[in-house]
């Protein structure tokens, strides 16, 4: 949500009350910056996705988030959990199977090509879900 403009500087803020787990904040040219918060039920990961035309960058701003990486083969394999650390950049390379769990009250910055979407991404259902349900760790 745009808050204000000051002498050529646009100021945006993530709107917690919007009820969306993914909010594009700034889009310009070929890129966008978005904020992601708690997603879904907080349950285990049941699917992985990958973007076939672009990388995607995550930055943990507050709280906790786990990225699950499944390589860049035809199917996700050897899924590895990566606990994000605040203010580190995590670049998910083009074609890498991935998913994430974002804990309640957490916020992740997402930088990606603004045309990233279902039409240039693939999704794969997992035979065995990965990750814990947040109610198991809270």
C-alpha atoms as a PDB file:
ATOM      1  CA  UNK A   1       0.000   0.000   0.000  1.00  0.00           C
ATOM      2  CA  UNK A   2       1.422   3.380  -0.973  1.00  0.00           C
ATOM      3  CA  UNK A   3       1.695   5.701   2.012  1.00  0.00           C
ATOM      4  CA  UNK A   4       3.133   8.843   0.515  1.00  0.00           C
ATOM      5  CA  UNK A   5       5.447  10.477  -1.979  1.00  0.00           C
ATOM      6  CA  UNK A   6       8.290  12.775  -1.019  1.00  0.00           C
ATOM      7  CA  UNK A   7      10.267  14.601  -3.702  1.00  0.00           C
ATOM      8  CA  UNK A   8      10.410  11.616  -6.069  1.00  0.00           C
ATOM      9  CA  UNK A   9      10.458   8.907  -3.371  1.00  0.00           C
ATOM     10  CA  UNK A  10       7.410   6.653  -3.099  1.00  0.00           C
ATOM     11  CA  UNK A  11       6.882   5.140   0.355  1.00  0.00           C
ATOM     12  CA  UNK A  12       5.028   1.820   0.615  1.00  0.00           C
ATOM     13  CA  UNK A  13       3.915  -0.291   3.544  1.00  0.00           C
ATOM     14  CA  UNK A  14       2.744  -3.874   3.923  1.00  0.00           C
ATOM     15  CA  UNK A  15      -0.944  -3.781   4.909  1.00  0.00           C
ATOM     16  CA  UNK A  16      -1.470  -6.441   7.605  1.00  0.00           C
ATOM     17  CA  UNK A  17      -5.213  -5.825   7.623  1.00  0.00           C
ATOM     18  CA  UNK A  18      -5.633  -6.652   3.911  1.00  0.00           C
ATOM     19  CA  UNK A  19      -5.980 -10.360   4.662  1.00  0.00           C
ATOM     20  CA  UNK A  20      -3.646 -11.377   1.815  1.00  0.00           C
ATOM     21  CA  UNK A  21      -0.627 -13.628   2.326  1.00  0.00           C
ATOM     22  CA  UNK A  22       1.093 -12.169  -0.790  1.00  0.00           C
ATOM     23  CA  UNK A  23       0.990  -8.451  -1.593  1.00  0.00           C
ATOM     24  CA  UNK A  24       2.854  -6.848  -4.493  1.00  0.00           C
ATOM     25  CA  UNK A  25       4.142  -3.507  -3.192  1.00  0.00           C
ATOM     26  CA  UNK A  26       6.150  -2.005  -6.062  1.00  0.00           C
ATOM     27  CA  UNK A  27       6.202  -2.944  -9.746  1.00  0.00           C
ATOM     28  CA  UNK A  28       8.400  -1.284 -12.326  1.00  0.00           C
ATOM     29  CA  UNK A  29       9.613  -2.481 -15.692  1.00  0.00           C
ATOM     30  CA  UNK A  30      10.283  -6.193 -15.451  1.00  0.00           C
ATOM     31  CA  UNK A  31      10.468  -6.529 -11.664  1.00  0.00           C
ATOM     32  CA  UNK A  32       8.295  -6.438  -8.580  1.00  0.00           C
ATOM     33  CA  UNK A  33       8.802  -6.334  -4.825  1.00  0.00           C
ATOM     34  CA  UNK A  34       6.165  -8.027  -2.699  1.00  0.00           C
ATOM     35  CA  UNK A  35       5.611  -8.995   0.924  1.00  0.00           C
ATOM     36  CA  UNK A  36       4.624 -12.513   1.977  1.00  0.00           C
ATOM     37  CA  UNK A  37       3.199 -13.427   5.361  1.00  0.00           C
ATOM     38  CA  UNK A  38       1.781 -16.530   7.009  1.00  0.00           C
ATOM     39  CA  UNK A  39       0.564 -18.819   4.272  1.00  0.00           C
ATOM     40  CA  UNK A  40      -2.174 -21.419   4.239  1.00  0.00           C
ATOM     41  CA  UNK A  41      -2.982 -23.424   7.328  1.00  0.00           C
ATOM     42  CA  UNK A  42       0.593 -23.570   8.593  1.00  0.00           C
ATOM     43  CA  UNK A  43       0.463 -27.287   7.848  1.00  0.00           C
ATOM     44  CA  UNK A  44       3.049 -29.460   6.127  1.00  0.00           C
ATOM     45  CA  UNK A  45       4.105 -28.709   2.550  1.00  0.00           C
ATOM     46  CA  UNK A  46       2.076 -30.836   0.119  1.00  0.00           C
ATOM     47  CA  UNK A  47       3.337 -29.365  -3.178  1.00  0.00           C
ATOM     48  CA  UNK A  48       6.457 -27.772  -4.640  1.00  0.00           C
ATOM     49  CA  UNK A  49       6.659 -25.247  -7.466  1.00  0.00           C
ATOM     50  CA  UNK A  50       9.322 -23.844  -9.737  1.00  0.00           C
ATOM     51  CA  UNK A  51       9.569 -20.805 -11.986  1.00  0.00           C
ATOM     52  CA  UNK A  52      10.862 -21.722 -15.428  1.00  0.00           C
ATOM     53  CA  UNK A  53      11.899 -18.260 -16.662  1.00  0.00           C
ATOM     54  CA  UNK A  54      13.247 -16.361 -13.674  1.00  0.00           C
ATOM     55  CA  UNK A  55      15.016 -16.440 -10.322  1.00  0.00           C
ATOM     56  CA  UNK A  56      13.200 -15.360  -7.161  1.00  0.00           C
ATOM     57  CA  UNK A  57      14.762 -13.750  -4.070  1.00  0.00           C
ATOM     58  CA  UNK A  58      13.472 -14.025  -0.485  1.00  0.00           C
ATOM     59  CA  UNK A  59      14.560 -11.839   2.454  1.00  0.00           C
ATOM     60  CA  UNK A  60      13.277 -12.615   5.955  1.00  0.00           C
ATOM     61  CA  UNK A  61      12.365  -9.301   7.596  1.00  0.00           C
ATOM     62  CA  UNK A  62      10.951 -10.674  10.854  1.00  0.00           C
ATOM     63  CA  UNK A  63       9.938 -13.949  12.433  1.00  0.00           C
ATOM     64  CA  UNK A  64      10.787 -17.312  10.913  1.00  0.00           C
ATOM     65  CA  UNK A  65      10.482 -18.972   7.544  1.00  0.00           C
ATOM     66  CA  UNK A  66      11.721 -22.277   6.162  1.00  0.00           C
ATOM     67  CA  UNK A  67      12.418 -22.745   2.462  1.00  0.00           C
ATOM     68  CA  UNK A  68      12.194 -26.308   1.181  1.00  0.00           C
ATOM     69  CA  UNK A  69      14.446 -26.842  -1.852  1.00  0.00           C
ATOM     70  CA  UNK A  70      14.034 -29.835  -4.151  1.00  0.00           C
ATOM     71  CA  UNK A  71      16.717 -29.345  -6.793  1.00  0.00           C
ATOM     72  CA  UNK A  72      16.156 -28.537 -10.457  1.00  0.00           C
ATOM     73  CA  UNK A  73      15.465 -31.936 -11.999  1.00  0.00           C
ATOM     74  CA  UNK A  74      12.252 -33.096 -13.640  1.00  0.00           C
ATOM     75  CA  UNK A  75      10.774 -33.785 -10.185  1.00  0.00           C
ATOM     76  CA  UNK A  76      11.554 -32.490  -6.725  1.00  0.00           C
ATOM     77  CA  UNK A  77      14.020 -34.811  -5.011  1.00  0.00           C
ATOM     78  CA  UNK A  78      16.078 -34.852  -1.836  1.00  0.00           C
ATOM     79  CA  UNK A  79      14.047 -32.017  -0.346  1.00  0.00           C
ATOM     80  CA  UNK A  80      16.249 -29.924   1.929  1.00  0.00           C
ATOM     81  CA  UNK A  81      14.862 -27.510   4.540  1.00  0.00           C
ATOM     82  CA  UNK A  82      16.697 -24.180   4.805  1.00  0.00           C
ATOM     83  CA  UNK A  83      15.910 -22.046   7.852  1.00  0.00           C
ATOM     84  CA  UNK A  84      16.053 -18.423   6.769  1.00  0.00           C
ATOM     85  CA  UNK A  85      18.044 -15.908   8.793  1.00  0.00           C
ATOM     86  CA  UNK A  86      16.923 -12.272   8.979  1.00  0.00           C
ATOM     87  CA  UNK A  87      18.279  -9.874   6.345  1.00  0.00           C
ATOM     88  CA  UNK A  88      20.068 -12.557   4.294  1.00  0.00           C
ATOM     89  CA  UNK A  89      19.154 -12.899   0.617  1.00  0.00           C
ATOM     90  CA  UNK A  90      18.057 -16.329  -0.575  1.00  0.00           C
ATOM     91  CA  UNK A  91      18.130 -16.591  -4.379  1.00  0.00           C
ATOM     92  CA  UNK A  92      15.979 -19.424  -5.700  1.00  0.00           C
ATOM     93  CA  UNK A  93      17.460 -20.097  -9.121  1.00  0.00           C
ATOM     94  CA  UNK A  94      15.276 -20.557 -12.183  1.00  0.00           C
ATOM     95  CA  UNK A  95      13.901 -24.101 -12.416  1.00  0.00           C
ATOM     96  CA  UNK A  96      14.511 -24.970  -8.738  1.00  0.00           C
ATOM     97  CA  UNK A  97      11.645 -26.781  -7.002  1.00  0.00           C
ATOM     98  CA  UNK A  98      10.761 -24.924  -3.813  1.00  0.00           C
ATOM     99  CA  UNK A  99       8.132 -24.141  -1.220  1.00  0.00           C
ATOM    100  CA  UNK A 100       8.153 -22.188   2.018  1.00  0.00           C
ATOM    101  CA  UNK A 101       6.416 -22.099   5.358  1.00  0.00           C
ATOM    102  CA  UNK A 102       6.078 -18.703   6.981  1.00  0.00           C
ATOM    103  CA  UNK A 103       5.362 -18.720  10.713  1.00  0.00           C
ATOM    104  CA  UNK A 104       2.543 -16.582  12.155  1.00  0.00           C
ATOM    105  CA  UNK A 105       3.645 -12.966  12.654  1.00  0.00           C
ATOM    106  CA  UNK A 106       6.539 -13.321  10.197  1.00  0.00           C
ATOM    107  CA  UNK A 107       7.230 -11.269   7.079  1.00  0.00           C
ATOM    108  CA  UNK A 108       9.274 -12.140   3.977  1.00  0.00           C
ATOM    109  CA  UNK A 109      10.249  -9.728   1.204  1.00  0.00           C
ATOM    110  CA  UNK A 110       9.956 -11.270  -2.287  1.00  0.00           C
ATOM    111  CA  UNK A 111      11.803  -9.834  -5.296  1.00  0.00           C
ATOM    112  CA  UNK A 112      10.973 -11.396  -8.659  1.00  0.00           C
ATOM    113  CA  UNK A 113      10.121 -10.776 -12.278  1.00  0.00           C
ATOM    114  CA  UNK A 114       6.692  -9.143 -12.291  1.00  0.00           C
ATOM    115  CA  UNK A 115       5.461 -11.577 -14.945  1.00  0.00           C
ATOM    116  CA  UNK A 116       6.097 -14.631 -12.754  1.00  0.00           C
ATOM    117  CA  UNK A 117       2.886 -16.632 -12.552  1.00  0.00           C
ATOM    118  CA  UNK A 118       1.152 -19.929 -13.188  1.00  0.00           C
ATOM    119  CA  UNK A 119       1.711 -19.683 -16.957  1.00  0.00           C
ATOM    120  CA  UNK A 120       5.525 -19.875 -16.594  1.00  0.00           C
ATOM    121  CA  UNK A 121       5.731 -21.996 -13.447  1.00  0.00           C
ATOM    122  CA  UNK A 122       5.165 -25.662 -12.653  1.00  0.00           C
ATOM    123  CA  UNK A 123       3.645 -27.280  -9.557  1.00  0.00           C
ATOM    124  CA  UNK A 124       4.116 -30.832  -8.324  1.00  0.00           C
ATOM    125  CA  UNK A 125       2.082 -32.544  -5.612  1.00  0.00           C
ATOM    126  CA  UNK A 126       4.262 -34.405  -3.115  1.00  0.00           C
ATOM    127  CA  UNK A 127       3.629 -38.070  -2.323  1.00  0.00           C
ATOM    128  CA  UNK A 128       4.766 -37.469   1.265  1.00  0.00           C
ATOM    129  CA  UNK A 129       4.255 -34.000   2.823  1.00  0.00           C
ATOM    130  CA  UNK A 130       7.306 -32.324   4.380  1.00  0.00           C
ATOM    131  CA  UNK A 131       7.641 -29.907   7.303  1.00  0.00           C
ATOM    132  CA  UNK A 132       5.910 -29.571  10.637  1.00  0.00           C
ATOM    133  CA  UNK A 133       2.534 -28.108  11.394  1.00  0.00           C
ATOM    134  CA  UNK A 134       3.082 -24.803  13.245  1.00  0.00           C
ATOM    135  CA  UNK A 135       0.796 -25.937  16.067  1.00  0.00           C
ATOM    136  CA  UNK A 136       3.386 -28.678  16.734  1.00  0.00           C
ATOM    137  CA  UNK A 137       6.140 -26.118  17.389  1.00  0.00           C
ATOM    138  CA  UNK A 138       4.303 -23.176  18.961  1.00  0.00           C
END
